[in-house]
Amino acid sequence: MVSARPRTELLERDGELVVISDFVKRAAAGTAGILFVEGPAGVGKTRLLEAAAEMAAGEGLRAMRARGGELERSFPFGLAAQLLVPAVSPLEADERRTVLSGAAALAADIVDPHVRVATREVGTQEALYARLHALYWVCAGLSAR
């Protein structure tokens, strides 16, 4: 049996850890959701998210991580790439083709390091919507695996 407690004990975080544990258990049961952690610098947000990832791994789930900053503003879809490249990159060619098929193909240059094309700029609202829609289908394809 895997413990829901993180490896390193967090002081005075029992309430947050209960919420995280409940979230992870619901995710393992197939319920979608978003875990949002906020607070000022230095209060332990990163450590809480590390605890969430540890709990997720204990339930057989994969936690995906990205870190936003000012530099990502000039890199189109930088956060999406941080999240999805580590999931798409190790796939065998057949699996990658399946995940990046249909509508998801429009995001291949963002999430697949095997694609040798620079990420296309998004000049219109319609183009932005199409790229976001493609990223949605990449996530759906990965989730289906």
N, C-alpha and C. Protein backbone atom coordinates (compact mmCIF):
# COMPACT_ATOMS: atom_id res chain seq x y z
N MET A 1 0.85 -1.19 0.00
CA MET A 1 0.00 0.00 0.00
C MET A 1 0.89 1.24 0.00
N VAL A 2 0.54 2.20 -0.80
CA VAL A 2 1.30 3.44 -0.91
C VAL A 2 0.70 4.47 0.02
N SER A 3 1.57 5.12 0.76
CA SER A 3 1.10 6.16 1.68
C SER A 3 0.77 7.42 0.92
N ALA A 4 -0.28 8.12 1.37
CA ALA A 4 -0.66 9.39 0.76
C ALA A 4 0.19 10.53 1.29
N ARG A 5 1.06 10.24 2.25
CA ARG A 5 1.90 11.28 2.83
C ARG A 5 3.16 11.47 2.01
N PRO A 6 3.59 12.69 1.81
CA PRO A 6 4.82 12.92 1.06
C PRO A 6 6.03 12.42 1.85
N ARG A 7 7.15 12.21 1.14
CA ARG A 7 8.37 11.70 1.78
C ARG A 7 8.87 12.64 2.87
N THR A 8 8.86 13.92 2.62
CA THR A 8 9.31 14.89 3.59
C THR A 8 8.09 15.53 4.22
N GLU A 9 8.02 15.45 5.55
CA GLU A 9 6.88 16.00 6.27
C GLU A 9 6.84 17.53 6.10
N LEU A 10 5.67 18.03 5.80
CA LEU A 10 5.48 19.47 5.70
C LEU A 10 4.86 19.96 7.00
N LEU A 11 5.44 20.99 7.57
CA LEU A 11 4.94 21.51 8.82
C LEU A 11 3.72 22.40 8.60
N GLU A 12 2.71 22.19 9.42
CA GLU A 12 1.49 23.00 9.42
C GLU A 12 0.81 23.05 8.05
N ARG A 13 0.82 21.94 7.35
CA ARG A 13 0.19 21.87 6.02
C ARG A 13 -0.82 20.73 5.94
N ASP A 14 -1.28 20.25 7.10
CA ASP A 14 -2.21 19.12 7.10
C ASP A 14 -3.48 19.40 6.31
N GLY A 15 -4.04 20.59 6.45
CA GLY A 15 -5.25 20.94 5.72
C GLY A 15 -5.04 20.91 4.23
N GLU A 16 -3.95 21.51 3.77
CA GLU A 16 -3.64 21.52 2.35
C GLU A 16 -3.38 20.11 1.82
N LEU A 17 -2.68 19.29 2.63
CA LEU A 17 -2.36 17.92 2.20
C LEU A 17 -3.62 17.06 2.10
N VAL A 18 -4.60 17.30 2.96
CA VAL A 18 -5.87 16.57 2.86
C VAL A 18 -6.57 16.94 1.57
N VAL A 19 -6.60 18.23 1.25
CA VAL A 19 -7.24 18.69 0.01
C VAL A 19 -6.53 18.08 -1.19
N ILE A 20 -5.21 18.10 -1.18
CA ILE A 20 -4.44 17.54 -2.29
C ILE A 20 -4.68 16.04 -2.41
N SER A 21 -4.66 15.34 -1.29
CA SER A 21 -4.89 13.90 -1.31
C SER A 21 -6.26 13.56 -1.88
N ASP A 22 -7.28 14.31 -1.47
CA ASP A 22 -8.63 14.10 -2.00
C ASP A 22 -8.66 14.36 -3.50
N PHE A 23 -8.01 15.43 -3.93
CA PHE A 23 -7.94 15.76 -5.36
C PHE A 23 -7.30 14.63 -6.15
N VAL A 24 -6.18 14.12 -5.66
CA VAL A 24 -5.45 13.05 -6.35
C VAL A 24 -6.29 11.78 -6.41
N LYS A 25 -6.96 11.45 -5.33
CA LYS A 25 -7.81 10.25 -5.33
C LYS A 25 -8.96 10.39 -6.32
N ARG A 26 -9.56 11.57 -6.40
CA ARG A 26 -10.63 11.79 -7.38
C ARG A 26 -10.09 11.70 -8.81
N ALA A 27 -8.89 12.22 -9.03
CA ALA A 27 -8.28 12.13 -10.36
C ALA A 27 -8.01 10.66 -10.72
N ALA A 28 -7.51 9.88 -9.76
CA ALA A 28 -7.25 8.47 -10.01
C ALA A 28 -8.53 7.70 -10.32
N ALA A 29 -9.65 8.20 -9.80
CA ALA A 29 -10.94 7.57 -10.07
C ALA A 29 -11.57 8.06 -11.36
N GLY A 30 -10.90 9.00 -12.03
CA GLY A 30 -11.38 9.47 -13.33
C GLY A 30 -12.11 10.79 -13.31
N THR A 31 -12.11 11.48 -12.20
CA THR A 31 -12.78 12.78 -12.12
C THR A 31 -11.79 13.89 -12.46
N ALA A 32 -12.13 14.71 -13.42
CA ALA A 32 -11.25 15.79 -13.84
C ALA A 32 -11.31 16.94 -12.83
N GLY A 33 -10.29 17.74 -12.82
CA GLY A 33 -10.27 18.90 -11.94
C GLY A 33 -9.00 19.70 -12.12
N ILE A 34 -8.92 20.78 -11.40
CA ILE A 34 -7.74 21.64 -11.43
C ILE A 34 -7.33 21.91 -9.99
N LEU A 35 -6.06 21.76 -9.73
CA LEU A 35 -5.50 22.06 -8.42
C LEU A 35 -4.78 23.39 -8.54
N PHE A 36 -5.23 24.38 -7.79
CA PHE A 36 -4.67 25.72 -7.88
C PHE A 36 -4.02 26.05 -6.54
N VAL A 37 -2.74 26.37 -6.56
CA VAL A 37 -1.99 26.71 -5.35
C VAL A 37 -1.47 28.13 -5.54
N GLU A 38 -1.80 29.00 -4.62
CA GLU A 38 -1.32 30.37 -4.71
C GLU A 38 -0.84 30.85 -3.36
N GLY A 39 -0.01 31.88 -3.38
CA GLY A 39 0.50 32.47 -2.15
C GLY A 39 1.74 33.27 -2.46
N PRO A 40 2.18 34.06 -1.50
CA PRO A 40 3.38 34.88 -1.72
C PRO A 40 4.64 34.00 -1.81
N ALA A 41 5.71 34.60 -2.29
CA ALA A 41 6.98 33.89 -2.43
C ALA A 41 7.44 33.35 -1.08
N GLY A 42 7.96 32.12 -1.11
CA GLY A 42 8.58 31.55 0.08
C GLY A 42 7.66 30.84 1.05
N VAL A 43 6.38 30.66 0.71
CA VAL A 43 5.48 30.02 1.67
C VAL A 43 5.35 28.51 1.45
N GLY A 44 6.02 27.98 0.43
CA GLY A 44 6.01 26.53 0.24
C GLY A 44 5.11 26.01 -0.86
N LYS A 45 4.77 26.86 -1.82
CA LYS A 45 3.90 26.41 -2.93
C LYS A 45 4.55 25.27 -3.71
N THR A 46 5.82 25.44 -4.02
CA THR A 46 6.52 24.41 -4.79
C THR A 46 6.55 23.10 -4.03
N ARG A 47 6.80 23.14 -2.75
CA ARG A 47 6.84 21.91 -1.95
C ARG A 47 5.46 21.25 -1.89
N LEU A 48 4.40 22.03 -1.82
CA LEU A 48 3.05 21.45 -1.86
C LEU A 48 2.79 20.76 -3.21
N LEU A 49 3.25 21.37 -4.28
CA LEU A 49 3.07 20.76 -5.60
C LEU A 49 3.93 19.51 -5.75
N GLU A 50 5.12 19.51 -5.14
CA GLU A 50 5.94 18.30 -5.14
C GLU A 50 5.24 17.19 -4.37
N ALA A 51 4.60 17.53 -3.27
CA ALA A 51 3.83 16.54 -2.51
C ALA A 51 2.67 16.01 -3.34
N ALA A 52 2.02 16.89 -4.10
CA ALA A 52 0.93 16.45 -4.98
C ALA A 52 1.45 15.47 -6.03
N ALA A 53 2.61 15.76 -6.61
CA ALA A 53 3.20 14.86 -7.61
C ALA A 53 3.56 13.51 -6.99
N GLU A 54 4.06 13.52 -5.77
CA GLU A 54 4.39 12.28 -5.08
C GLU A 54 3.12 11.46 -4.84
N MET A 55 2.06 12.12 -4.41
CA MET A 55 0.80 11.42 -4.17
C MET A 55 0.24 10.87 -5.49
N ALA A 56 0.35 11.66 -6.54
CA ALA A 56 -0.13 11.21 -7.86
C ALA A 56 0.62 9.97 -8.30
N ALA A 57 1.93 9.98 -8.17
CA ALA A 57 2.73 8.82 -8.55
C ALA A 57 2.31 7.60 -7.75
N GLY A 58 1.99 7.80 -6.48
CA GLY A 58 1.53 6.71 -5.63
C GLY A 58 0.21 6.11 -6.08
N GLU A 59 -0.56 6.89 -6.83
CA GLU A 59 -1.85 6.42 -7.37
C GLU A 59 -1.72 5.97 -8.82
N GLY A 60 -0.48 5.95 -9.34
CA GLY A 60 -0.28 5.54 -10.72
C GLY A 60 -0.56 6.63 -11.74
N LEU A 61 -0.60 7.87 -11.30
CA LEU A 61 -0.85 9.01 -12.18
C LEU A 61 0.45 9.71 -12.52
N ARG A 62 0.42 10.46 -13.59
CA ARG A 62 1.58 11.25 -13.99
C ARG A 62 1.28 12.72 -13.78
N ALA A 63 2.12 13.38 -13.03
CA ALA A 63 1.99 14.83 -12.84
C ALA A 63 2.85 15.52 -13.88
N MET A 64 2.28 16.52 -14.53
CA MET A 64 3.00 17.28 -15.55
C MET A 64 3.26 18.67 -14.99
N ARG A 65 4.46 19.19 -15.25
CA ARG A 65 4.84 20.46 -14.65
C ARG A 65 5.37 21.44 -15.68
N ALA A 66 5.11 22.70 -15.41
CA ALA A 66 5.68 23.79 -16.20
C ALA A 66 5.86 24.98 -15.26
N ARG A 67 6.77 25.83 -15.60
CA ARG A 67 7.01 27.02 -14.79
C ARG A 67 6.98 28.22 -15.71
N GLY A 68 6.10 29.14 -15.41
CA GLY A 68 5.97 30.35 -16.21
C GLY A 68 6.82 31.47 -15.66
N GLY A 69 7.31 32.27 -16.54
CA GLY A 69 8.10 33.42 -16.15
C GLY A 69 8.09 34.44 -17.29
N GLU A 70 8.78 35.51 -17.08
CA GLU A 70 8.79 36.56 -18.10
C GLU A 70 9.38 36.09 -19.42
N LEU A 71 10.36 35.20 -19.40
CA LEU A 71 10.97 34.75 -20.64
C LEU A 71 9.99 33.97 -21.52
N GLU A 72 9.04 33.28 -20.91
CA GLU A 72 8.07 32.51 -21.68
C GLU A 72 7.14 33.39 -22.50
N ARG A 73 7.02 34.64 -22.15
CA ARG A 73 6.14 35.55 -22.89
C ARG A 73 6.54 35.67 -24.36
N SER A 74 7.83 35.56 -24.64
CA SER A 74 8.29 35.71 -26.02
C SER A 74 8.41 34.38 -26.75
N PHE A 75 8.08 33.28 -26.08
CA PHE A 75 8.16 31.96 -26.69
C PHE A 75 6.74 31.44 -26.87
N PRO A 76 6.23 31.40 -28.12
CA PRO A 76 4.85 30.98 -28.34
C PRO A 76 4.59 29.58 -27.78
N PHE A 77 3.57 29.45 -26.97
CA PHE A 77 3.15 28.17 -26.40
C PHE A 77 4.24 27.52 -25.56
N GLY A 78 5.09 28.32 -24.93
CA GLY A 78 6.19 27.80 -24.13
C GLY A 78 5.74 26.92 -22.98
N LEU A 79 4.69 27.32 -22.29
CA LEU A 79 4.20 26.50 -21.18
C LEU A 79 3.60 25.19 -21.69
N ALA A 80 2.89 25.25 -22.80
CA ALA A 80 2.32 24.03 -23.38
C ALA A 80 3.45 23.07 -23.75
N ALA A 81 4.51 23.60 -24.32
CA ALA A 81 5.66 22.76 -24.68
C ALA A 81 6.30 22.15 -23.44
N GLN A 82 6.46 22.95 -22.38
CA GLN A 82 7.04 22.42 -21.14
C GLN A 82 6.21 21.26 -20.60
N LEU A 83 4.89 21.38 -20.69
CA LEU A 83 4.02 20.33 -20.17
C LEU A 83 3.98 19.09 -21.06
N LEU A 84 3.90 19.30 -22.35
CA LEU A 84 3.57 18.20 -23.25
C LEU A 84 4.75 17.52 -23.94
N VAL A 85 5.85 18.22 -24.16
CA VAL A 85 6.99 17.59 -24.82
C VAL A 85 7.49 16.37 -24.04
N PRO A 86 7.62 16.44 -22.70
CA PRO A 86 8.08 15.24 -21.98
C PRO A 86 7.12 14.05 -22.08
N ALA A 87 5.86 14.31 -22.38
CA ALA A 87 4.90 13.21 -22.54
C ALA A 87 4.89 12.67 -23.96
N VAL A 88 5.11 13.52 -24.95
CA VAL A 88 5.06 13.10 -26.35
C VAL A 88 6.40 12.54 -26.82
N SER A 89 7.49 13.13 -26.39
CA SER A 89 8.82 12.77 -26.87
C SER A 89 9.16 11.28 -26.75
N PRO A 90 8.89 10.64 -25.62
CA PRO A 90 9.30 9.23 -25.50
C PRO A 90 8.38 8.23 -26.22
N LEU A 91 7.29 8.70 -26.80
CA LEU A 91 6.37 7.79 -27.47
C LEU A 91 7.02 7.16 -28.70
N GLU A 92 6.70 5.90 -28.93
CA GLU A 92 7.12 5.25 -30.17
C GLU A 92 6.45 5.97 -31.34
N ALA A 93 7.01 5.85 -32.52
CA ALA A 93 6.51 6.58 -33.69
C ALA A 93 5.03 6.32 -33.93
N ASP A 94 4.58 5.08 -33.81
CA ASP A 94 3.16 4.76 -34.04
C ASP A 94 2.27 5.44 -33.00
N GLU A 95 2.70 5.41 -31.73
CA GLU A 95 1.92 6.07 -30.68
C GLU A 95 1.87 7.57 -30.90
N ARG A 96 3.01 8.13 -31.28
CA ARG A 96 3.09 9.58 -31.52
C ARG A 96 2.16 9.97 -32.66
N ARG A 97 2.14 9.18 -33.74
CA ARG A 97 1.23 9.47 -34.86
C ARG A 97 -0.22 9.42 -34.39
N THR A 98 -0.55 8.48 -33.53
CA THR A 98 -1.92 8.37 -33.04
C THR A 98 -2.29 9.58 -32.19
N VAL A 99 -1.42 9.94 -31.25
CA VAL A 99 -1.68 11.09 -30.36
C VAL A 99 -1.77 12.38 -31.16
N LEU A 100 -0.97 12.50 -32.21
CA LEU A 100 -0.92 13.73 -33.00
C LEU A 100 -1.73 13.64 -34.29
N SER A 101 -2.73 12.80 -34.30
CA SER A 101 -3.56 12.67 -35.50
C SER A 101 -4.76 13.60 -35.42
N GLY A 102 -5.43 13.75 -36.54
CA GLY A 102 -6.63 14.59 -36.60
C GLY A 102 -6.34 16.02 -36.23
N ALA A 103 -7.21 16.60 -35.42
CA ALA A 103 -7.08 18.00 -35.04
C ALA A 103 -5.79 18.27 -34.27
N ALA A 104 -5.27 17.27 -33.56
CA ALA A 104 -4.05 17.44 -32.77
C ALA A 104 -2.82 17.69 -33.64
N ALA A 105 -2.88 17.35 -34.91
CA ALA A 105 -1.73 17.50 -35.80
C ALA A 105 -1.25 18.95 -35.89
N LEU A 106 -2.16 19.90 -35.71
CA LEU A 106 -1.79 21.31 -35.79
C LEU A 106 -0.87 21.73 -34.65
N ALA A 107 -0.76 20.92 -33.60
CA ALA A 107 0.11 21.24 -32.47
C ALA A 107 1.42 20.44 -32.50
N ALA A 108 1.64 19.65 -33.54
CA ALA A 108 2.83 18.80 -33.59
C ALA A 108 4.12 19.60 -33.43
N ASP A 109 4.20 20.77 -34.05
CA ASP A 109 5.42 21.56 -33.95
C ASP A 109 5.66 22.13 -32.56
N ILE A 110 4.63 22.14 -31.73
CA ILE A 110 4.76 22.62 -30.35
C ILE A 110 5.21 21.49 -29.43
N VAL A 111 4.65 20.29 -29.59
CA VAL A 111 4.81 19.23 -28.60
C VAL A 111 5.70 18.08 -29.01
N ASP A 112 6.09 18.01 -30.28
CA ASP A 112 6.88 16.88 -30.75
C ASP A 112 8.26 17.35 -31.17
N PRO A 113 9.29 17.01 -30.39
CA PRO A 113 10.64 17.45 -30.74
C PRO A 113 11.16 16.81 -32.03
N HIS A 114 10.48 15.78 -32.51
CA HIS A 114 10.88 15.13 -33.76
C HIS A 114 10.46 15.95 -34.98
N VAL A 115 9.56 16.91 -34.78
CA VAL A 115 9.13 17.79 -35.87
C VAL A 115 10.16 18.89 -36.01
N ARG A 116 10.66 19.09 -37.17
CA ARG A 116 11.76 20.03 -37.40
C ARG A 116 11.28 21.38 -37.91
N VAL A 117 10.09 21.78 -37.57
CA VAL A 117 9.53 23.05 -38.02
C VAL A 117 9.40 23.96 -36.80
N ALA A 118 9.79 25.20 -36.94
CA ALA A 118 9.64 26.15 -35.84
C ALA A 118 8.15 26.39 -35.56
N THR A 119 7.83 26.66 -34.32
CA THR A 119 6.44 26.93 -33.95
C THR A 119 5.92 28.13 -34.72
N ARG A 120 4.79 27.92 -35.39
CA ARG A 120 4.19 28.98 -36.20
C ARG A 120 3.59 30.06 -35.30
N GLU A 121 3.73 31.27 -35.73
CA GLU A 121 3.11 32.40 -35.03
C GLU A 121 1.59 32.34 -35.20
N VAL A 122 0.89 32.91 -34.25
CA VAL A 122 -0.56 32.98 -34.31
C VAL A 122 -0.93 34.42 -34.59
N GLY A 123 -1.42 34.69 -35.82
CA GLY A 123 -1.68 36.05 -36.22
C GLY A 123 -3.12 36.50 -36.06
N THR A 124 -4.05 35.56 -35.95
CA THR A 124 -5.46 35.91 -35.85
C THR A 124 -6.11 35.15 -34.70
N GLN A 125 -7.28 35.59 -34.30
CA GLN A 125 -8.02 34.88 -33.26
C GLN A 125 -8.38 33.47 -33.72
N GLU A 126 -8.71 33.32 -35.00
CA GLU A 126 -9.08 32.01 -35.53
C GLU A 126 -7.88 31.06 -35.47
N ALA A 127 -6.70 31.57 -35.82
CA ALA A 127 -5.50 30.74 -35.77
C ALA A 127 -5.16 30.36 -34.34
N LEU A 128 -5.33 31.29 -33.40
CA LEU A 128 -5.11 30.98 -31.99
C LEU A 128 -6.07 29.91 -31.52
N TYR A 129 -7.35 30.06 -31.86
CA TYR A 129 -8.34 29.05 -31.48
C TYR A 129 -7.96 27.68 -32.05
N ALA A 130 -7.53 27.64 -33.30
CA ALA A 130 -7.17 26.36 -33.92
C ALA A 130 -6.01 25.70 -33.19
N ARG A 131 -5.01 26.50 -32.79
CA ARG A 131 -3.86 25.94 -32.07
C ARG A 131 -4.27 25.45 -30.68
N LEU A 132 -5.11 26.22 -29.99
CA LEU A 132 -5.57 25.80 -28.67
C LEU A 132 -6.42 24.54 -28.78
N HIS A 133 -7.25 24.49 -29.80
CA HIS A 133 -8.06 23.31 -30.06
C HIS A 133 -7.16 22.09 -30.30
N ALA A 134 -6.09 22.28 -31.06
CA ALA A 134 -5.14 21.19 -31.32
C ALA A 134 -4.48 20.73 -30.03
N LEU A 135 -4.10 21.67 -29.16
CA LEU A 135 -3.49 21.29 -27.88
C LEU A 135 -4.47 20.52 -27.02
N TYR A 136 -5.74 20.91 -27.06
CA TYR A 136 -6.77 20.15 -26.34
C TYR A 136 -6.76 18.69 -26.81
N TRP A 137 -6.70 18.48 -28.14
CA TRP A 137 -6.75 17.12 -28.67
C TRP A 137 -5.46 16.35 -28.40
N VAL A 138 -4.33 17.04 -28.27
CA VAL A 138 -3.11 16.36 -27.83
C VAL A 138 -3.31 15.83 -26.42
N CYS A 139 -3.86 16.68 -25.55
CA CYS A 139 -4.12 16.25 -24.17
C CYS A 139 -5.11 15.08 -24.13
N ALA A 140 -6.14 15.16 -24.95
CA ALA A 140 -7.12 14.07 -25.01
C ALA A 140 -6.45 12.78 -25.48
N GLY A 141 -5.59 12.88 -26.49
CA GLY A 141 -4.90 11.71 -27.00
C GLY A 141 -3.97 11.10 -25.96
N LEU A 142 -3.26 11.93 -25.23
CA LEU A 142 -2.38 11.43 -24.17
C LEU A 142 -3.19 10.79 -23.05
N SER A 143 -4.29 11.41 -22.71
CA SER A 143 -5.15 10.88 -21.63
C SER A 143 -5.74 9.53 -22.01
N ALA A 144 -6.06 9.34 -23.28
CA ALA A 144 -6.65 8.09 -23.74
C ALA A 144 -5.66 6.93 -23.62
N ARG A 145 -4.37 7.23 -23.63
CA ARG A 145 -3.38 6.18 -23.49
C ARG A 145 -3.41 5.65 -22.10
